[in-house]
C-alpha atoms as a PDB file:
ATOM      1  CA  UNK A   1      76.164  45.895 139.609  1.00  0.00           C
ATOM      2  CA  UNK A   2      72.448  45.470 138.912  1.00  0.00           C
ATOM      3  CA  UNK A   3      72.705  47.971 136.063  1.00  0.00           C
ATOM      4  CA  UNK A   4      75.631  46.023 134.543  1.00  0.00           C
ATOM      5  CA  UNK A   5      73.751  42.713 134.788  1.00  0.00           C
ATOM      6  CA  UNK A   6      70.679  44.318 133.229  1.00  0.00           C
ATOM      7  CA  UNK A   7      72.785  45.746 130.416  1.00  0.00           C
ATOM      8  CA  UNK A   8      74.399  42.355 129.747  1.00  0.00           C
ATOM      9  CA  UNK A   9      71.001  40.631 129.754  1.00  0.00           C
ATOM     10  CA  UNK A  10      69.525  43.238 127.412  1.00  0.00           C
ATOM     11  CA  UNK A  11      72.506  42.988 125.073  1.00  0.00           C
ATOM     12  CA  UNK A  12      72.229  39.189 124.988  1.00  0.00           C
ATOM     13  CA  UNK A  13      68.509  39.429 124.258  1.00  0.00           C
ATOM     14  CA  UNK A  14      69.254  41.649 121.265  1.00  0.00           C
ATOM     15  CA  UNK A  15      72.382  39.943 119.941  1.00  0.00           C
ATOM     16  CA  UNK A  16      71.753  36.215 120.442  1.00  0.00           C
ATOM     17  CA  UNK A  17      68.784  36.001 118.043  1.00  0.00           C
ATOM     18  CA  UNK A  18      71.046  37.270 115.264  1.00  0.00           C
ATOM     19  CA  UNK A  19      73.322  34.264 115.731  1.00  0.00           C
ATOM     20  CA  UNK A  20      70.653  31.601 115.986  1.00  0.00           C
ATOM     21  CA  UNK A  21      68.608  30.436 113.025  1.00  0.00           C
ATOM     22  CA  UNK A  22      64.976  29.552 113.362  1.00  0.00           C
ATOM     23  CA  UNK A  23      63.654  26.541 111.488  1.00  0.00           C
ATOM     24  CA  UNK A  24      61.846  28.954 109.152  1.00  0.00           C
ATOM     25  CA  UNK A  25      65.158  30.640 108.238  1.00  0.00           C
ATOM     26  CA  UNK A  26      67.372  27.556 108.186  1.00  0.00           C
ATOM     27  CA  UNK A  27      68.269  26.245 104.729  1.00  0.00           C
ATOM     28  CA  UNK A  28      65.647  23.811 103.483  1.00  0.00           C
ATOM     29  CA  UNK A  29      67.179  20.447 102.670  1.00  0.00           C
ATOM     30  CA  UNK A  30      66.091  18.627  99.538  1.00  0.00           C
ATOM     31  CA  UNK A  31      66.357  15.058  98.315  1.00  0.00           C
ATOM     32  CA  UNK A  32      69.914  14.806  96.876  1.00  0.00           C
ATOM     33  CA  UNK A  33      68.803  13.669  93.402  1.00  0.00           C
ATOM     34  CA  UNK A  34      66.019  11.836  91.596  1.00  0.00           C
ATOM     35  CA  UNK A  35      65.382   9.967  88.386  1.00  0.00           C
ATOM     36  CA  UNK A  36      63.232  12.526  86.557  1.00  0.00           C
ATOM     37  CA  UNK A  37      61.814   9.827  84.247  1.00  0.00           C
ATOM     38  CA  UNK A  38      60.566   7.901  87.300  1.00  0.00           C
ATOM     39  CA  UNK A  39      59.235  11.103  88.885  1.00  0.00           C
ATOM     40  CA  UNK A  40      57.247  11.943  85.749  1.00  0.00           C
ATOM     41  CA  UNK A  41      53.647  10.769  85.579  1.00  0.00           C
ATOM     42  CA  UNK A  42      50.499  11.417  87.581  1.00  0.00           C
ATOM     43  CA  UNK A  43      50.502  12.581  91.189  1.00  0.00           C
ATOM     44  CA  UNK A  44      47.434  13.004  93.419  1.00  0.00           C
ATOM     45  CA  UNK A  45      47.466  15.832  95.923  1.00  0.00           C
ATOM     46  CA  UNK A  46      46.857  14.446  99.410  1.00  0.00           C
ATOM     47  CA  UNK A  47      47.284  17.691 101.349  1.00  0.00           C
ATOM     48  CA  UNK A  48      48.627  21.232 100.977  1.00  0.00           C
ATOM     49  CA  UNK A  49      49.178  24.528 102.683  1.00  0.00           C
ATOM     50  CA  UNK A  50      46.416  26.840 101.405  1.00  0.00           C
ATOM     51  CA  UNK A  51      47.480  29.180  98.617  1.00  0.00           C
ATOM     52  CA  UNK A  52      45.820  31.756  96.394  1.00  0.00           C
ATOM     53  CA  UNK A  53      46.300  30.002  93.072  1.00  0.00           C
ATOM     54  CA  UNK A  54      44.407  26.886  94.247  1.00  0.00           C
ATOM     55  CA  UNK A  55      41.624  28.843  95.935  1.00  0.00           C
ATOM     56  CA  UNK A  56      38.989  27.622  93.452  1.00  0.00           C
ATOM     57  CA  UNK A  57      39.991  23.948  93.824  1.00  0.00           C
ATOM     58  CA  UNK A  58      37.528  21.954  95.929  1.00  0.00           C
ATOM     59  CA  UNK A  59      38.991  18.496  95.291  1.00  0.00           C
ATOM     60  CA  UNK A  60      40.352  15.939  92.839  1.00  0.00           C
ATOM     61  CA  UNK A  61      43.652  17.798  92.502  1.00  0.00           C
ATOM     62  CA  UNK A  62      45.982  15.993  90.137  1.00  0.00           C
ATOM     63  CA  UNK A  63      49.360  16.981  88.705  1.00  0.00           C
ATOM     64  CA  UNK A  64      50.804  15.313  85.626  1.00  0.00           C
ATOM     65  CA  UNK A  65      54.477  15.724  84.752  1.00  0.00           C
ATOM     66  CA  UNK A  66      55.831  14.813  81.315  1.00  0.00           C
ATOM     67  CA  UNK A  67      59.585  14.890  80.732  1.00  0.00           C
ATOM     68  CA  UNK A  68      60.409  16.733  77.492  1.00  0.00           C
ATOM     69  CA  UNK A  69      63.303  16.078  75.109  1.00  0.00           C
ATOM     70  CA  UNK A  70      64.983  19.358  76.104  1.00  0.00           C
ATOM     71  CA  UNK A  71      65.084  18.291  79.776  1.00  0.00           C
ATOM     72  CA  UNK A  72      62.192  20.498  80.873  1.00  0.00           C
ATOM     73  CA  UNK A  73      58.988  19.079  82.311  1.00  0.00           C
ATOM     74  CA  UNK A  74      55.494  19.799  81.013  1.00  0.00           C
ATOM     75  CA  UNK A  75      53.230  20.369  84.020  1.00  0.00           C
ATOM     76  CA  UNK A  76      49.453  19.964  83.879  1.00  0.00           C
ATOM     77  CA  UNK A  77      47.465  20.655  87.046  1.00  0.00           C
ATOM     78  CA  UNK A  78      43.758  19.814  87.262  1.00  0.00           C
ATOM     79  CA  UNK A  79      41.145  20.161  89.962  1.00  0.00           C
ATOM     80  CA  UNK A  80      37.394  20.137  90.513  1.00  0.00           C
ATOM     81  CA  UNK A  81      35.748  23.461  91.308  1.00  0.00           C
ATOM     82  CA  UNK A  82      32.694  24.412  93.364  1.00  0.00           C
ATOM     83  CA  UNK A  83      30.442  24.539  90.275  1.00  0.00           C
ATOM     84  CA  UNK A  84      31.488  21.041  89.206  1.00  0.00           C
ATOM     85  CA  UNK A  85      33.772  22.073  86.371  1.00  0.00           C
ATOM     86  CA  UNK A  86      37.389  21.070  85.982  1.00  0.00           C
ATOM     87  CA  UNK A  87      40.014  23.813  86.129  1.00  0.00           C
ATOM     88  CA  UNK A  88      43.285  23.160  84.342  1.00  0.00           C
ATOM     89  CA  UNK A  89      46.595  24.998  84.241  1.00  0.00           C
ATOM     90  CA  UNK A  90      49.535  24.095  82.033  1.00  0.00           C
ATOM     91  CA  UNK A  91      53.052  25.068  82.899  1.00  0.00           C
ATOM     92  CA  UNK A  92      56.678  24.218  82.565  1.00  0.00           C
ATOM     93  CA  UNK A  93      59.326  23.159  85.061  1.00  0.00           C
ATOM     94  CA  UNK A  94      63.086  23.246  84.747  1.00  0.00           C
ATOM     95  CA  UNK A  95      66.045  22.468  86.974  1.00  0.00           C
ATOM     96  CA  UNK A  96      66.698  25.625  88.988  1.00  0.00           C
ATOM     97  CA  UNK A  97      70.497  25.623  88.794  1.00  0.00           C
ATOM     98  CA  UNK A  98      72.575  23.950  86.127  1.00  0.00           C
ATOM     99  CA  UNK A  99      75.090  22.684  88.686  1.00  0.00           C
ATOM    100  CA  UNK A 100      72.557  22.208  91.498  1.00  0.00           C
ATOM    101  CA  UNK A 101      70.503  19.189  92.479  1.00  0.00           C
ATOM    102  CA  UNK A 102      67.748  18.119  90.082  1.00  0.00           C
ATOM    103  CA  UNK A 103      65.340  18.189  93.029  1.00  0.00           C
ATOM    104  CA  UNK A 104      65.355  21.984  93.070  1.00  0.00           C
ATOM    105  CA  UNK A 105      63.087  22.983  90.230  1.00  0.00           C
ATOM    106  CA  UNK A 106      61.558  26.222  88.998  1.00  0.00           C
ATOM    107  CA  UNK A 107      58.013  26.139  87.654  1.00  0.00           C
ATOM    108  CA  UNK A 108      55.943  28.687  85.770  1.00  0.00           C
ATOM    109  CA  UNK A 109      52.383  28.895  84.537  1.00  0.00           C
ATOM    110  CA  UNK A 110      52.763  32.278  82.799  1.00  0.00           C
ATOM    111  CA  UNK A 111      52.772  32.571  78.973  1.00  0.00           C
ATOM    112  CA  UNK A 112      56.032  31.598  77.260  1.00  0.00           C
ATOM    113  CA  UNK A 113      56.635  35.201  76.169  1.00  0.00           C
ATOM    114  CA  UNK A 114      57.118  36.109  79.852  1.00  0.00           C
ATOM    115  CA  UNK A 115      59.586  33.297  80.606  1.00  0.00           C
ATOM    116  CA  UNK A 116      62.533  35.696  80.675  1.00  0.00           C
ATOM    117  CA  UNK A 117      61.068  37.420  83.761  1.00  0.00           C
ATOM    118  CA  UNK A 118      62.506  35.788  86.895  1.00  0.00           C
ATOM    119  CA  UNK A 119      59.430  36.514  89.049  1.00  0.00           C
ATOM    120  CA  UNK A 120      57.153  34.269  86.937  1.00  0.00           C
ATOM    121  CA  UNK A 121      59.175  31.235  88.047  1.00  0.00           C
ATOM    122  CA  UNK A 122      58.390  29.722  91.455  1.00  0.00           C
ATOM    123  CA  UNK A 123      60.430  27.316  93.554  1.00  0.00           C
ATOM    124  CA  UNK A 124      59.393  23.650  93.503  1.00  0.00           C
ATOM    125  CA  UNK A 125      61.720  21.731  95.793  1.00  0.00           C
ATOM    126  CA  UNK A 126      61.373  18.000  96.411  1.00  0.00           C
ATOM    127  CA  UNK A 127      62.090  17.716 100.125  1.00  0.00           C
ATOM    128  CA  UNK A 128      61.044  14.110 100.635  1.00  0.00           C
ATOM    129  CA  UNK A 129      60.468  11.142  98.321  1.00  0.00           C
ATOM    130  CA  UNK A 130      59.300   7.601  98.957  1.00  0.00           C
ATOM    131  CA  UNK A 131      61.840   4.880  98.153  1.00  0.00           C
ATOM    132  CA  UNK A 132      59.644   3.615  95.294  1.00  0.00           C
ATOM    133  CA  UNK A 133      58.496   7.103  94.220  1.00  0.00           C
ATOM    134  CA  UNK A 134      55.122   6.305  95.783  1.00  0.00           C
ATOM    135  CA  UNK A 135      54.879   9.695  97.477  1.00  0.00           C
ATOM    136  CA  UNK A 136      56.620  13.062  97.353  1.00  0.00           C
ATOM    137  CA  UNK A 137      56.700  16.135  99.547  1.00  0.00           C
ATOM    138  CA  UNK A 138      57.236  19.435  97.778  1.00  0.00           C
ATOM    139  CA  UNK A 139      57.981  22.782  99.374  1.00  0.00           C
ATOM    140  CA  UNK A 140      59.995  25.936  98.916  1.00  0.00           C
ATOM    141  CA  UNK A 141      62.579  27.790 101.010  1.00  0.00           C
ATOM    142  CA  UNK A 142      60.216  30.356 102.567  1.00  0.00           C
ATOM    143  CA  UNK A 143      57.907  27.522 103.730  1.00  0.00           C
ATOM    144  CA  UNK A 144      54.804  29.288 102.346  1.00  0.00           C
ATOM    145  CA  UNK A 145      53.928  26.403 100.046  1.00  0.00           C
ATOM    146  CA  UNK A 146      53.772  22.692 100.812  1.00  0.00           C
ATOM    147  CA  UNK A 147      52.237  19.741  99.008  1.00  0.00           C
ATOM    148  CA  UNK A 148      52.027  16.064  99.898  1.00  0.00           C
ATOM    149  CA  UNK A 149      51.631  14.049  96.703  1.00  0.00           C
ATOM    150  CA  UNK A 150      50.922  10.377  96.111  1.00  0.00           C
ATOM    151  CA  UNK A 151      50.776   8.050  93.127  1.00  0.00           C
ATOM    152  CA  UNK A 152      47.377   6.908  94.429  1.00  0.00           C
ATOM    153  CA  UNK A 153      44.348   8.993  95.507  1.00  0.00           C
ATOM    154  CA  UNK A 154      44.828   7.978  99.159  1.00  0.00           C
ATOM    155  CA  UNK A 155      47.736   7.459 101.526  1.00  0.00           C
ATOM    156  CA  UNK A 156      48.222   5.650 104.796  1.00  0.00           C
ATOM    157  CA  UNK A 157      47.132   7.974 107.628  1.00  0.00           C
ATOM    158  CA  UNK A 158      50.132   7.094 109.785  1.00  0.00           C
ATOM    159  CA  UNK A 159      52.494   8.025 106.948  1.00  0.00           C
ATOM    160  CA  UNK A 160      50.701  11.365 106.483  1.00  0.00           C
ATOM    161  CA  UNK A 161      51.079  12.122 110.207  1.00  0.00           C
ATOM    162  CA  UNK A 162      54.779  11.225 110.069  1.00  0.00           C
ATOM    163  CA  UNK A 163      55.298  13.475 107.028  1.00  0.00           C
ATOM    164  CA  UNK A 164      53.523  16.337 108.783  1.00  0.00           C
ATOM    165  CA  UNK A 165      55.703  15.833 111.864  1.00  0.00           C
ATOM    166  CA  UNK A 166      58.854  15.955 109.727  1.00  0.00           C
ATOM    167  CA  UNK A 167      57.759  18.987 107.719  1.00  0.00           C
ATOM    168  CA  UNK A 168      56.669  20.765 110.904  1.00  0.00           C
ATOM    169  CA  UNK A 169      60.157  20.175 112.301  1.00  0.00           C
ATOM    170  CA  UNK A 170      61.515  21.834 109.121  1.00  0.00           C
ATOM    171  CA  UNK A 171      59.562  25.019 109.852  1.00  0.00           C
ATOM    172  CA  UNK A 172      56.354  24.550 107.853  1.00  0.00           C
ATOM    173  CA  UNK A 173      53.110  25.639 109.553  1.00  0.00           C
ATOM    174  CA  UNK A 174      51.484  22.203 109.372  1.00  0.00           C
ATOM    175  CA  UNK A 175      48.611  23.376 111.564  1.00  0.00           C
ATOM    176  CA  UNK A 176      47.260  25.123 108.466  1.00  0.00           C
ATOM    177  CA  UNK A 177      47.565  22.117 106.140  1.00  0.00           C
ATOM    178  CA  UNK A 178      44.297  21.149 104.442  1.00  0.00           C
ATOM    179  CA  UNK A 179      43.470  17.695 103.198  1.00  0.00           C
ATOM    180  CA  UNK A 180      42.445  17.215  99.583  1.00  0.00           C
ATOM    181  CA  UNK A 181      39.263  15.341  98.742  1.00  0.00           C
ATOM    182  CA  UNK A 182      39.963  12.778  96.023  1.00  0.00           C
ATOM    183  CA  UNK A 183      37.145  10.829  94.394  1.00  0.00           C
ATOM    184  CA  UNK A 184      38.096   7.173  94.140  1.00  0.00           C
END
């Protein structure tokens, strides 16, 4: 009897995790749709999960999105570096799936000649957006990347805490989020 109970318990311990989804593995929900013309413009980075491609950025991180005639978006990212210079990267964004939501984008910063390679395109999913497009939260399905963006260099601290609570509940490791220094 004890052996049978132990076997059942061990089997449950092995099988049940396969049927349950963790927050990190659950599908990441996005904003249903946006007005890309309203989304275009300048965004100030308020906070982010650390990542390798922004390692040299020490502050004043700004992203500018310009909607192009062909429906793509010109992306220009700028930041201040430790030596006081400004680093800039230009890229391109496009809607990820023709029949999908326009809040799931793909972005690349590689040369145009490499655009045909799928691995040069990264996910840029808008997972939260202020009613007046005053802030946006951007992530991707593996929850490795996260940005909180604002139309102004600062945001209300209570709103930032609420956003972090919501993104933490979606499986992002918000304990690692770093705040961005923006010169006013």
